[in-house]
């Protein structure tokens, strides 16, 4: 089989991805089944097109049945994504379990960093996913909806911690938007440059100088807004 093609029997010319390797009954097994389904979906969408790929194709390529596919995903548009529910749960847990004396800036960055390994563990799949999201409207719309959920979660958690702080609601909203934008920009840079995980995290942490947390902390809100508008314009142009 030539490079970049996928048969309806499996991925990478090796038949069904996971046949005989895992049952999906343990937590590790379920995670492996999900990874195989995502990889199969990404490979098939890339090789033969999103519209020409069915749920049955993806399930067969991953070595599972149709019913198993629907235990993990509501539809094929969901199969190409990282586990966003896990990512959102991780962020919520970081905020919920944080020490009350931890600086809010440190807490916010730590929460944002918990999501990176959903992308960084498989650079090849991440790169193909990125191309698909930009090429397929259904995938692009879903990704935009997930970005909104991350931003809303950060806004809610930060608003609760900035009660009584001058412009607390605005600071929470601006910080949430900045953190999510920085996360996406760091990932795009990592993919474009085939960079290291450490470099990706370091680039993300630069947002610390751009967000206004705490009374009198961080840059002027108007300055932050201008920076965010610049970042958003740059991302939309890519």
Protein backbone atom coordinates (compact mmCIF):
# COMPACT_ATOMS: atom_id res chain seq x y z
CA UNK A 1 0.00 0.00 0.00
CA UNK A 2 1.40 3.39 -0.92
CA UNK A 3 2.02 6.10 1.65
CA UNK A 4 -1.05 8.12 2.61
CA UNK A 5 -3.62 5.47 1.66
CA UNK A 6 -5.87 3.56 4.02
CA UNK A 7 -7.85 0.47 3.21
CA UNK A 8 -11.36 -0.13 4.49
CA UNK A 9 -9.89 -3.06 6.41
CA UNK A 10 -7.48 -1.07 8.53
CA UNK A 11 -4.90 1.62 8.96
CA UNK A 12 -1.31 1.64 7.68
CA UNK A 13 -1.82 -1.58 5.72
CA UNK A 14 -1.86 -3.65 8.89
CA UNK A 15 -5.49 -4.68 9.01
CA UNK A 16 -7.66 -3.65 11.94
CA UNK A 17 -5.69 -1.44 14.29
CA UNK A 18 -6.43 -3.09 17.57
CA UNK A 19 -7.62 -6.64 16.86
CA UNK A 20 -6.50 -9.04 19.57
CA UNK A 21 -4.62 -6.35 21.49
CA UNK A 22 -7.13 -4.93 23.99
CA UNK A 23 -10.68 -5.38 25.24
CA UNK A 24 -11.48 -1.85 26.36
CA UNK A 25 -12.70 -3.07 29.73
CA UNK A 26 -10.01 -1.47 31.87
CA UNK A 27 -9.33 2.27 32.00
CA UNK A 28 -6.14 1.70 30.00
CA UNK A 29 -7.99 -0.50 27.53
CA UNK A 30 -10.71 2.10 27.01
CA UNK A 31 -8.11 4.80 26.46
CA UNK A 32 -6.37 2.60 23.92
CA UNK A 33 -9.61 1.88 22.07
CA UNK A 34 -10.30 5.61 21.92
CA UNK A 35 -6.81 6.35 20.60
CA UNK A 36 -7.20 3.69 17.92
CA UNK A 37 -10.55 5.11 16.84
CA UNK A 38 -9.14 8.64 16.65
CA UNK A 39 -6.12 7.50 14.67
CA UNK A 40 -8.30 5.46 12.30
CA UNK A 41 -10.66 8.40 11.76
CA UNK A 42 -7.82 10.85 11.12
CA UNK A 43 -6.13 8.48 8.68
CA UNK A 44 -9.33 7.71 6.80
CA UNK A 45 -10.50 11.32 6.62
CA UNK A 46 -7.08 12.31 5.32
CA UNK A 47 -6.82 9.52 2.76
CA UNK A 48 -10.33 9.27 1.34
CA UNK A 49 -12.13 12.39 2.56
CA UNK A 50 -14.45 13.22 5.42
CA UNK A 51 -17.66 12.87 3.43
CA UNK A 52 -16.64 9.51 1.95
CA UNK A 53 -15.78 7.95 5.31
CA UNK A 54 -18.48 6.27 7.40
CA UNK A 55 -18.66 5.27 11.04
CA UNK A 56 -18.50 1.64 9.91
CA UNK A 57 -15.23 2.37 8.06
CA UNK A 58 -13.69 3.89 11.19
CA UNK A 59 -14.86 1.09 13.46
CA UNK A 60 -13.56 -1.59 11.09
CA UNK A 61 -10.19 0.14 10.75
CA UNK A 62 -9.88 0.30 14.55
CA UNK A 63 -10.87 -3.35 14.93
CA UNK A 64 -14.11 -2.75 16.84
CA UNK A 65 -17.82 -2.92 16.10
CA UNK A 66 -20.22 -0.11 15.31
CA UNK A 67 -21.77 -0.24 18.78
CA UNK A 68 -18.35 0.14 20.37
CA UNK A 69 -17.71 3.24 18.29
CA UNK A 70 -20.86 4.86 19.64
CA UNK A 71 -19.81 4.14 23.21
CA UNK A 72 -16.98 6.60 22.64
CA UNK A 73 -18.37 9.11 20.14
CA UNK A 74 -21.76 10.53 19.17
CA UNK A 75 -20.75 10.74 15.50
CA UNK A 76 -17.81 10.67 13.14
CA UNK A 77 -17.18 14.41 13.57
CA UNK A 78 -16.34 13.71 17.23
CA UNK A 79 -13.87 10.94 16.46
CA UNK A 80 -11.15 13.24 15.15
CA UNK A 81 -10.93 15.32 18.33
CA UNK A 82 -8.81 14.93 21.44
CA UNK A 83 -10.71 13.91 24.56
CA UNK A 84 -12.06 17.37 25.34
CA UNK A 85 -14.29 16.09 28.13
CA UNK A 86 -11.17 14.82 29.87
CA UNK A 87 -9.44 18.14 29.24
CA UNK A 88 -12.31 20.11 30.74
CA UNK A 89 -12.46 17.76 33.71
CA UNK A 90 -8.73 18.18 34.34
CA UNK A 91 -9.01 21.97 34.37
CA UNK A 92 -11.98 21.85 36.75
CA UNK A 93 -10.09 19.47 39.05
CA UNK A 94 -7.03 21.73 39.18
CA UNK A 95 -9.16 24.66 40.30
CA UNK A 96 -11.20 22.54 42.73
CA UNK A 97 -8.17 21.01 44.43
CA UNK A 98 -5.95 24.12 44.49
CA UNK A 99 -4.53 25.39 47.77
CA UNK A 100 -6.34 28.60 48.75
CA UNK A 101 -3.01 30.43 49.00
CA UNK A 102 -1.78 29.51 45.52
CA UNK A 103 -1.38 32.67 43.41
CA UNK A 104 -4.16 32.90 40.85
CA UNK A 105 -1.74 33.42 37.96
CA UNK A 106 0.15 30.24 38.83
CA UNK A 107 -3.10 28.31 39.25
CA UNK A 108 -4.45 29.50 35.90
CA UNK A 109 -1.30 28.54 34.00
CA UNK A 110 -1.15 25.16 35.74
CA UNK A 111 -4.75 24.45 34.77
CA UNK A 112 -4.07 25.38 31.15
CA UNK A 113 -1.02 23.13 30.94
CA UNK A 114 -2.99 20.01 31.92
CA UNK A 115 -4.60 19.88 28.47
CA UNK A 116 -1.42 19.88 26.38
CA UNK A 117 -0.67 16.18 26.59
CA UNK A 118 -3.98 15.46 24.84
CA UNK A 119 -2.27 16.91 21.76
CA UNK A 120 1.45 16.48 22.30
CA UNK A 121 1.67 12.70 22.69
CA UNK A 122 1.18 12.03 18.96
CA UNK A 123 2.54 14.78 16.74
CA UNK A 124 1.70 13.04 13.46
CA UNK A 125 -1.96 12.63 14.40
CA UNK A 126 -2.06 16.18 15.76
CA UNK A 127 -0.70 17.60 12.50
CA UNK A 128 -3.21 15.68 10.39
CA UNK A 129 -6.03 16.66 12.74
CA UNK A 130 -5.05 20.32 12.45
CA UNK A 131 -5.18 20.13 8.64
CA UNK A 132 -8.55 18.39 8.72
CA UNK A 133 -10.10 20.89 11.11
CA UNK A 134 -9.14 23.73 8.77
CA UNK A 135 -10.36 21.90 5.66
CA UNK A 136 -13.68 20.43 6.86
CA UNK A 137 -16.40 22.89 7.96
CA UNK A 138 -18.11 20.38 10.28
CA UNK A 139 -14.87 19.75 12.14
CA UNK A 140 -14.01 23.44 12.23
CA UNK A 141 -17.40 24.30 13.73
CA UNK A 142 -17.06 21.61 16.38
CA UNK A 143 -13.57 22.77 17.34
CA UNK A 144 -14.81 26.36 17.65
CA UNK A 145 -17.58 25.17 19.97
CA UNK A 146 -15.04 23.37 22.15
CA UNK A 147 -12.83 26.46 22.34
CA UNK A 148 -15.87 28.34 23.64
CA UNK A 149 -16.40 25.68 26.34
CA UNK A 150 -12.80 25.99 27.54
CA UNK A 151 -13.06 29.77 27.61
CA UNK A 152 -16.36 29.62 29.50
CA UNK A 153 -14.91 27.21 32.09
CA UNK A 154 -11.91 29.43 32.75
CA UNK A 155 -14.16 32.49 32.95
CA UNK A 156 -16.42 30.82 35.50
CA UNK A 157 -13.57 29.62 37.70
CA UNK A 158 -11.74 32.94 37.57
CA UNK A 159 -14.86 35.01 38.20
CA UNK A 160 -15.51 33.06 41.39
CA UNK A 161 -11.97 33.86 42.60
CA UNK A 162 -12.02 37.52 41.62
CA UNK A 163 -15.11 38.49 43.57
CA UNK A 164 -14.52 41.81 45.27
CA UNK A 165 -11.61 42.67 42.94
CA UNK A 166 -12.05 45.80 40.87
CA UNK A 167 -13.24 44.84 37.38
CA UNK A 168 -13.15 41.21 38.46
CA UNK A 169 -15.63 40.02 35.84
CA UNK A 170 -13.71 41.78 33.08
CA UNK A 171 -10.37 40.47 34.32
CA UNK A 172 -11.78 36.94 34.37
CA UNK A 173 -13.13 37.20 30.83
CA UNK A 174 -9.95 38.75 29.43
CA UNK A 175 -7.74 36.20 31.20
CA UNK A 176 -9.84 33.26 29.99
CA UNK A 177 -9.69 34.49 26.40
CA UNK A 178 -5.94 35.09 26.65
CA UNK A 179 -5.17 31.66 28.13
CA UNK A 180 -7.21 29.80 25.52
CA UNK A 181 -5.74 31.89 22.67
CA UNK A 182 -2.21 31.30 23.98
CA UNK A 183 -2.87 27.57 24.25
CA UNK A 184 -4.03 27.37 20.65
CA UNK A 185 -1.22 29.58 19.38
CA UNK A 186 1.41 27.51 21.19
CA UNK A 187 0.03 24.32 19.66
CA UNK A 188 -0.01 25.82 16.16
CA UNK A 189 3.58 26.97 16.58
CA UNK A 190 4.62 23.54 17.85
CA UNK A 191 3.01 21.85 14.84
CA UNK A 192 4.43 24.32 12.31
CA UNK A 193 7.97 24.06 13.65
CA UNK A 194 7.92 20.39 14.76
CA UNK A 195 9.08 21.74 18.08
CA UNK A 196 9.59 20.12 21.46
CA UNK A 197 7.06 19.72 24.24
CA UNK A 198 9.21 21.95 26.46
CA UNK A 199 9.26 24.65 23.79
CA UNK A 200 5.49 24.49 23.40
CA UNK A 201 4.94 24.90 27.14
CA UNK A 202 7.47 27.72 27.35
CA UNK A 203 5.71 29.58 24.57
CA UNK A 204 2.36 29.15 26.31
CA UNK A 205 3.75 30.51 29.59
CA UNK A 206 4.61 33.79 27.92
CA UNK A 207 0.94 34.69 28.30
CA UNK A 208 1.66 35.29 32.00
CA UNK A 209 2.91 38.80 31.16
CA UNK A 210 -0.25 39.59 29.21
CA UNK A 211 -3.07 38.78 31.63
CA UNK A 212 -4.53 40.95 34.39
CA UNK A 213 -5.00 38.94 37.59
CA UNK A 214 -5.53 40.55 40.95
CA UNK A 215 -5.96 44.19 41.83
CA UNK A 216 -3.23 46.16 40.16
CA UNK A 217 -1.62 43.06 38.72
CA UNK A 218 -0.73 42.62 35.09
CA UNK A 219 -0.89 45.14 32.28
CA UNK A 220 -3.61 47.66 31.59
CA UNK A 221 -6.87 46.02 30.45
CA UNK A 222 -7.05 48.14 27.32
CA UNK A 223 -3.52 47.06 26.43
CA UNK A 224 -4.46 43.40 26.95
CA UNK A 225 -7.52 43.80 24.74
CA UNK A 226 -5.41 45.21 21.92
CA UNK A 227 -2.98 42.30 22.22
CA UNK A 228 -5.82 39.78 22.13
CA UNK A 229 -7.28 41.40 19.05
CA UNK A 230 -3.88 41.16 17.38
CA UNK A 231 -3.55 37.46 18.28
CA UNK A 232 -7.09 36.70 17.08
CA UNK A 233 -6.45 38.46 13.76
CA UNK A 234 -3.22 36.50 13.29
CA UNK A 235 -4.93 33.18 13.99
CA UNK A 236 -7.82 33.93 11.64
CA UNK A 237 -5.32 34.70 8.89
CA UNK A 238 -3.68 31.29 9.10
